């Protein structure tokens, strides 16, 4: 299934289905928070379309994450989402997401609460061995190289992250699927 999904995503990239993100259109290149291309969709948009059946099956697995996480940690109170995004990185034009939080606790203007509680990033395919994810929680910073078929799950209000191809000279496409799961702010400010 994964191989067929990657083949479908590569075909979609050739067809021009991936677009520059809206933030990428409004800012000069050096100020953009990210410079990848994306394909955004709702799960129902793919249902019943034969050529997207493997992508739909993969999406259904990510769709189930709030159920699973709530079962093991009911205090999370995660909500369902049907909105997904596939990102495409490829040298030399699209190489990174800058360090950022997907949400905050709403304590200050710069600590804006978007309602996102958990960020899940699934590395569908990485043909580039220099793909790294950097995580920052307070003063602690960690960097890890990631490969195909890797799921990264983050507390959106606590862990900032960036994703980049460290060595732009190396070629190879990267496809990532992300889902941002909403949930209420924990008043103890832990999650």
Protein backbone atom coordinates (compact mmCIF):
# COMPACT_ATOMS: atom_id res chain seq x y z
CA UNK A 1 0.00 0.00 0.00
CA UNK A 2 2.79 2.46 0.89
CA UNK A 3 4.58 1.93 -2.42
CA UNK A 4 1.38 2.58 -4.39
CA UNK A 5 0.67 5.67 -2.27
CA UNK A 6 4.13 7.07 -3.06
CA UNK A 7 3.61 6.34 -6.76
CA UNK A 8 0.26 8.20 -6.63
CA UNK A 9 1.86 11.19 -4.82
CA UNK A 10 4.68 11.33 -7.38
CA UNK A 11 2.11 11.34 -10.18
CA UNK A 12 0.16 14.11 -8.42
CA UNK A 13 3.38 16.14 -8.17
CA UNK A 14 4.01 15.71 -11.90
CA UNK A 15 0.39 16.76 -12.58
CA UNK A 16 0.94 19.97 -10.59
CA UNK A 17 -1.51 19.13 -7.77
CA UNK A 18 0.85 20.50 -5.08
CA UNK A 19 0.67 24.26 -4.47
CA UNK A 20 2.90 26.75 -2.67
CA UNK A 21 1.40 27.40 0.77
CA UNK A 22 -0.55 30.63 1.25
CA UNK A 23 2.11 31.94 3.64
CA UNK A 24 4.64 31.34 0.88
CA UNK A 25 2.78 33.62 -1.50
CA UNK A 26 2.48 36.57 0.88
CA UNK A 27 6.07 36.89 2.09
CA UNK A 28 9.45 37.25 0.41
CA UNK A 29 11.30 33.90 0.20
CA UNK A 30 13.73 34.65 3.04
CA UNK A 31 10.85 35.38 5.48
CA UNK A 32 8.58 32.44 4.67
CA UNK A 33 7.81 30.07 7.55
CA UNK A 34 8.01 27.18 5.12
CA UNK A 35 8.82 26.68 1.47
CA UNK A 36 7.27 23.31 0.73
CA UNK A 37 4.38 22.62 -1.62
CA UNK A 38 1.16 21.15 -0.28
CA UNK A 39 -1.94 19.24 -1.29
CA UNK A 40 -4.76 19.83 1.20
CA UNK A 41 -7.88 17.70 1.31
CA UNK A 42 -10.71 16.35 3.42
CA UNK A 43 -10.89 12.61 3.87
CA UNK A 44 -14.30 12.39 2.20
CA UNK A 45 -12.91 13.93 -0.99
CA UNK A 46 -10.92 10.75 -1.69
CA UNK A 47 -13.60 8.23 -0.79
CA UNK A 48 -14.68 5.99 -3.64
CA UNK A 49 -12.09 7.29 -6.13
CA UNK A 50 -10.12 4.28 -7.33
CA UNK A 51 -6.82 6.03 -8.05
CA UNK A 52 -6.76 7.46 -4.50
CA UNK A 53 -7.75 4.30 -2.63
CA UNK A 54 -4.31 3.75 -1.07
CA UNK A 55 -3.96 7.40 -0.04
CA UNK A 56 -7.48 7.18 1.42
CA UNK A 57 -6.55 4.02 3.37
CA UNK A 58 -3.47 5.76 4.80
CA UNK A 59 -5.59 8.78 5.69
CA UNK A 60 -8.05 6.52 7.55
CA UNK A 61 -5.19 5.22 9.71
CA UNK A 62 -4.23 8.77 10.70
CA UNK A 63 -7.92 9.61 11.20
CA UNK A 64 -8.07 6.93 13.93
CA UNK A 65 -5.25 8.49 15.98
CA UNK A 66 -7.55 10.64 18.19
CA UNK A 67 -9.59 7.52 19.09
CA UNK A 68 -6.46 5.60 20.05
CA UNK A 69 -4.86 8.45 21.99
CA UNK A 70 -8.11 9.21 23.86
CA UNK A 71 -8.47 5.55 24.78
CA UNK A 72 -5.04 5.54 26.45
CA UNK A 73 -5.15 9.11 27.78
CA UNK A 74 -8.80 10.25 28.17
CA UNK A 75 -7.75 13.56 29.73
CA UNK A 76 -6.53 14.68 26.27
CA UNK A 77 -10.14 15.02 25.00
CA UNK A 78 -8.94 15.03 21.40
CA UNK A 79 -11.41 15.85 18.66
CA UNK A 80 -11.72 14.33 15.22
CA UNK A 81 -10.53 16.01 12.09
CA UNK A 82 -11.07 15.18 8.46
CA UNK A 83 -8.62 17.78 7.14
CA UNK A 84 -5.22 16.49 6.01
CA UNK A 85 -2.22 17.90 4.22
CA UNK A 86 0.46 16.21 2.15
CA UNK A 87 3.69 18.21 1.92
CA UNK A 88 6.31 17.86 -0.75
CA UNK A 89 9.97 18.83 -0.24
CA UNK A 90 12.54 18.58 -3.00
CA UNK A 91 15.89 20.31 -3.57
CA UNK A 92 16.74 22.94 -4.62
CA UNK A 93 13.44 24.86 -4.30
CA UNK A 94 11.63 23.45 -1.28
CA UNK A 95 13.81 22.54 1.66
CA UNK A 96 12.28 23.50 5.03
CA UNK A 97 9.67 24.50 7.61
CA UNK A 98 11.13 27.01 10.09
CA UNK A 99 11.03 26.37 13.85
CA UNK A 100 7.48 27.03 15.07
CA UNK A 101 4.68 25.93 17.39
CA UNK A 102 1.34 24.93 15.85
CA UNK A 103 -0.53 26.36 18.85
CA UNK A 104 -0.05 28.00 22.23
CA UNK A 105 -1.81 28.50 25.55
CA UNK A 106 -3.21 31.95 24.75
CA UNK A 107 -1.36 33.71 27.57
CA UNK A 108 0.13 36.42 25.35
CA UNK A 109 -0.42 37.77 21.86
CA UNK A 110 2.51 35.75 20.50
CA UNK A 111 1.31 32.63 22.38
CA UNK A 112 -1.82 32.30 20.23
CA UNK A 113 -4.10 29.31 20.93
CA UNK A 114 -5.20 27.84 17.58
CA UNK A 115 -6.97 24.92 19.26
CA UNK A 116 -4.44 22.40 17.95
CA UNK A 117 -3.35 20.03 20.71
CA UNK A 118 -1.48 17.27 18.86
CA UNK A 119 0.49 17.50 15.60
CA UNK A 120 1.11 14.23 13.74
CA UNK A 121 3.57 14.15 10.85
CA UNK A 122 3.88 10.92 8.92
CA UNK A 123 6.94 10.68 6.65
CA UNK A 124 5.40 8.76 3.76
CA UNK A 125 8.53 8.66 1.65
CA UNK A 126 11.98 10.16 1.97
CA UNK A 127 14.38 9.58 -0.88
CA UNK A 128 16.70 12.14 0.72
CA UNK A 129 18.83 10.85 3.60
CA UNK A 130 19.44 14.36 4.96
CA UNK A 131 15.83 14.90 6.20
CA UNK A 132 15.90 16.04 9.83
CA UNK A 133 13.28 17.06 12.36
CA UNK A 134 14.41 19.38 15.16
CA UNK A 135 12.31 19.52 18.32
CA UNK A 136 12.46 22.24 20.97
CA UNK A 137 10.69 21.96 24.33
CA UNK A 138 11.63 24.93 26.51
CA UNK A 139 15.44 25.02 26.56
CA UNK A 140 15.82 21.41 25.42
CA UNK A 141 16.65 20.91 21.75
CA UNK A 142 16.87 17.58 19.93
CA UNK A 143 17.54 16.81 16.29
CA UNK A 144 16.78 13.51 14.61
CA UNK A 145 17.15 12.14 11.13
CA UNK A 146 13.97 10.54 9.89
CA UNK A 147 13.31 7.95 7.21
CA UNK A 148 10.32 6.77 5.24
CA UNK A 149 7.41 5.24 7.15
CA UNK A 150 8.06 7.27 10.33
CA UNK A 151 5.36 8.88 12.49
CA UNK A 152 6.25 11.93 14.60
CA UNK A 153 3.67 12.92 17.25
CA UNK A 154 4.07 16.25 19.08
CA UNK A 155 2.27 18.22 21.78
CA UNK A 156 1.45 21.23 19.61
CA UNK A 157 1.38 23.77 22.44
CA UNK A 158 4.67 22.66 24.04
CA UNK A 159 7.02 21.38 21.34
CA UNK A 160 8.27 23.66 18.56
CA UNK A 161 9.64 21.93 15.49
CA UNK A 162 11.33 22.46 12.19
CA UNK A 163 11.76 20.11 9.27
CA UNK A 164 14.55 20.55 6.77
CA UNK A 165 16.75 18.89 4.23
CA UNK A 166 20.15 19.50 5.83
CA UNK A 167 22.13 18.81 2.70
CA UNK A 168 20.50 20.55 -0.28
CA UNK A 169 23.10 19.08 -2.63
CA UNK A 170 21.60 15.64 -2.09
CA UNK A 171 18.67 14.97 -4.34
CA UNK A 172 15.52 13.09 -3.51
CA UNK A 173 11.88 13.90 -2.90
CA UNK A 174 10.15 13.83 0.47
CA UNK A 175 6.39 13.36 0.94
CA UNK A 176 4.89 13.94 4.40
CA UNK A 177 1.29 13.73 5.53
CA UNK A 178 0.21 15.81 8.51
CA UNK A 179 -2.88 16.04 10.62
CA UNK A 180 -3.43 18.58 13.34
CA UNK A 181 -5.73 17.32 16.10
CA UNK A 182 -7.73 19.81 18.17
CA UNK A 183 -8.47 19.63 21.86
CA UNK A 184 -9.13 21.90 24.83
CA UNK A 185 -6.32 23.62 26.72
CA UNK A 186 -5.37 21.78 29.89
CA UNK A 187 -5.58 24.44 32.60
CA UNK A 188 -2.47 23.04 34.26
CA UNK A 189 -0.71 24.09 31.00
CA UNK A 190 0.92 20.70 30.55
CA UNK A 191 -0.70 19.87 27.19
